[in-house]
Amino acid sequence: MSDFVDIGAALDVPRLGARKVRTAGGVIAVFRTADDRFFALDDRCPHKGGPLSEGIVHGERVTCPLHNMVIELGSGEVVGPDEGCVARHLLKVESGRLLLARA
């Protein structure tokens, strides 16, 4: 069973937005969709390292603010015709709190 760390209240992440979480392994972006689903990815676009936490969330995707690369929040996979992948992180919500799996 994974060990989880409390990273804050789920309501602290705006709908269709993100929040940065600094960890020993780097910065993770926690995203919230319009229907209150949460996802965690490395906060670094695979194209040129753009900050995904500053991107536009739409549906279950985020668009990088630098060059418009679109990434699936659930898988971390880049949407074609582009290629690439962003590391995703296990995240769960319990009693209104966000719990991130330790790396």
Protein backbone atom coordinates (compact mmCIF):
# COMPACT_ATOMS: atom_id res chain seq x y z
CA MET A 1 0.00 0.00 0.00
CA SER A 2 1.33 3.43 -0.91
CA ASP A 3 2.17 5.98 1.73
CA PHE A 4 0.31 9.26 1.21
CA VAL A 5 0.99 12.78 2.41
CA ASP A 6 -1.69 15.43 2.95
CA ILE A 7 -1.01 18.35 0.59
CA GLY A 8 -4.00 20.53 1.43
CA ALA A 9 -7.71 21.05 1.01
CA ALA A 10 -9.28 19.99 -2.26
CA LEU A 11 -11.18 23.28 -2.36
CA ASP A 12 -7.85 25.16 -2.47
CA VAL A 13 -7.48 24.07 -6.10
CA PRO A 14 -9.75 26.19 -8.29
CA ARG A 15 -12.07 24.50 -10.77
CA LEU A 16 -10.40 24.39 -14.19
CA GLY A 17 -7.16 25.36 -12.48
CA ALA A 18 -4.10 24.00 -10.74
CA ARG A 19 -1.94 24.29 -7.66
CA LYS A 20 1.81 23.67 -7.40
CA VAL A 21 3.19 21.28 -4.79
CA ARG A 22 6.92 21.25 -4.13
CA THR A 23 8.31 17.82 -3.27
CA ALA A 24 11.78 16.37 -2.83
CA GLY A 25 11.45 14.97 -6.36
CA GLY A 26 10.39 18.24 -7.98
CA VAL A 27 7.30 20.35 -8.53
CA ILE A 28 3.98 18.61 -9.09
CA ALA A 29 0.90 20.29 -10.54
CA VAL A 30 -2.45 19.25 -9.05
CA PHE A 31 -5.34 19.92 -11.43
CA ARG A 32 -9.10 20.14 -10.83
CA THR A 33 -11.62 19.67 -13.60
CA ALA A 34 -14.99 21.39 -13.91
CA ASP A 35 -16.67 18.29 -12.45
CA ASP A 36 -14.31 18.12 -9.45
CA ARG A 37 -11.93 15.36 -10.53
CA PHE A 38 -8.32 15.76 -9.46
CA PHE A 39 -5.09 14.77 -11.22
CA ALA A 40 -1.39 15.18 -10.44
CA LEU A 41 1.37 15.51 -13.05
CA ASP A 42 4.92 16.79 -13.06
CA ASP A 43 4.72 20.55 -13.56
CA ARG A 44 6.86 20.40 -16.69
CA CYS A 45 5.74 20.12 -20.30
CA PRO A 46 7.79 17.52 -22.22
CA HIS A 47 8.28 19.94 -25.13
CA LYS A 48 10.26 22.81 -23.60
CA GLY A 49 9.60 22.47 -19.87
CA GLY A 50 6.72 24.92 -19.70
CA PRO A 51 4.83 25.20 -16.38
CA LEU A 52 1.71 23.08 -16.86
CA SER A 53 0.22 24.52 -13.66
CA GLU A 54 -0.15 27.80 -15.57
CA GLY A 55 -1.89 26.13 -18.51
CA ILE A 56 -5.55 26.05 -19.47
CA VAL A 57 -7.57 23.11 -18.12
CA HIS A 58 -10.35 21.92 -20.44
CA GLY A 59 -12.21 18.67 -19.98
CA GLU A 60 -9.60 16.15 -18.84
CA ARG A 61 -6.73 17.95 -20.58
CA VAL A 62 -4.34 20.81 -19.95
CA THR A 63 -2.77 23.01 -22.62
CA CYS A 64 0.79 24.18 -21.98
CA PRO A 65 0.97 27.99 -21.79
CA LEU A 66 4.17 28.19 -23.84
CA HIS A 67 3.49 26.34 -27.09
CA ASN A 68 -0.06 24.96 -26.80
CA MET A 69 0.92 21.30 -26.37
CA VAL A 70 -2.15 19.40 -25.07
CA ILE A 71 -1.73 16.74 -22.38
CA GLU A 72 -4.23 14.18 -21.03
CA LEU A 73 -4.54 14.65 -17.26
CA GLY A 74 -5.37 11.00 -16.58
CA SER A 75 -2.43 9.48 -18.43
CA GLY A 76 0.10 12.27 -18.86
CA GLU A 77 0.20 11.45 -22.59
CA VAL A 78 0.52 14.23 -25.13
CA VAL A 79 -2.36 14.46 -27.61
CA GLY A 80 -1.38 13.88 -31.27
CA PRO A 81 0.02 14.96 -33.58
CA ASP A 82 2.61 15.91 -30.93
CA GLU A 83 4.42 13.23 -28.92
CA GLY A 84 5.62 12.87 -25.36
CA CYS A 85 4.54 12.06 -21.86
CA VAL A 86 4.51 13.71 -18.45
CA ALA A 87 4.96 11.69 -15.26
CA ARG A 88 1.72 11.32 -13.35
CA HIS A 89 1.34 10.84 -9.62
CA LEU A 90 -1.16 8.92 -7.55
CA LEU A 91 -3.58 11.31 -5.86
CA LYS A 92 -6.73 10.73 -3.86
CA VAL A 93 -9.30 12.84 -2.05
CA GLU A 94 -10.48 11.84 1.43
CA SER A 95 -12.70 13.97 3.66
CA GLY A 96 -12.04 17.01 1.47
CA ARG A 97 -8.23 16.64 1.70
CA LEU A 98 -5.82 15.93 -1.15
CA LEU A 99 -3.49 13.02 -0.48
CA LEU A 100 -0.45 12.56 -2.73
CA ALA A 101 1.46 9.27 -2.85
CA ARG A 102 5.05 9.57 -1.71
CA ALA A 103 7.55 8.85 -4.45
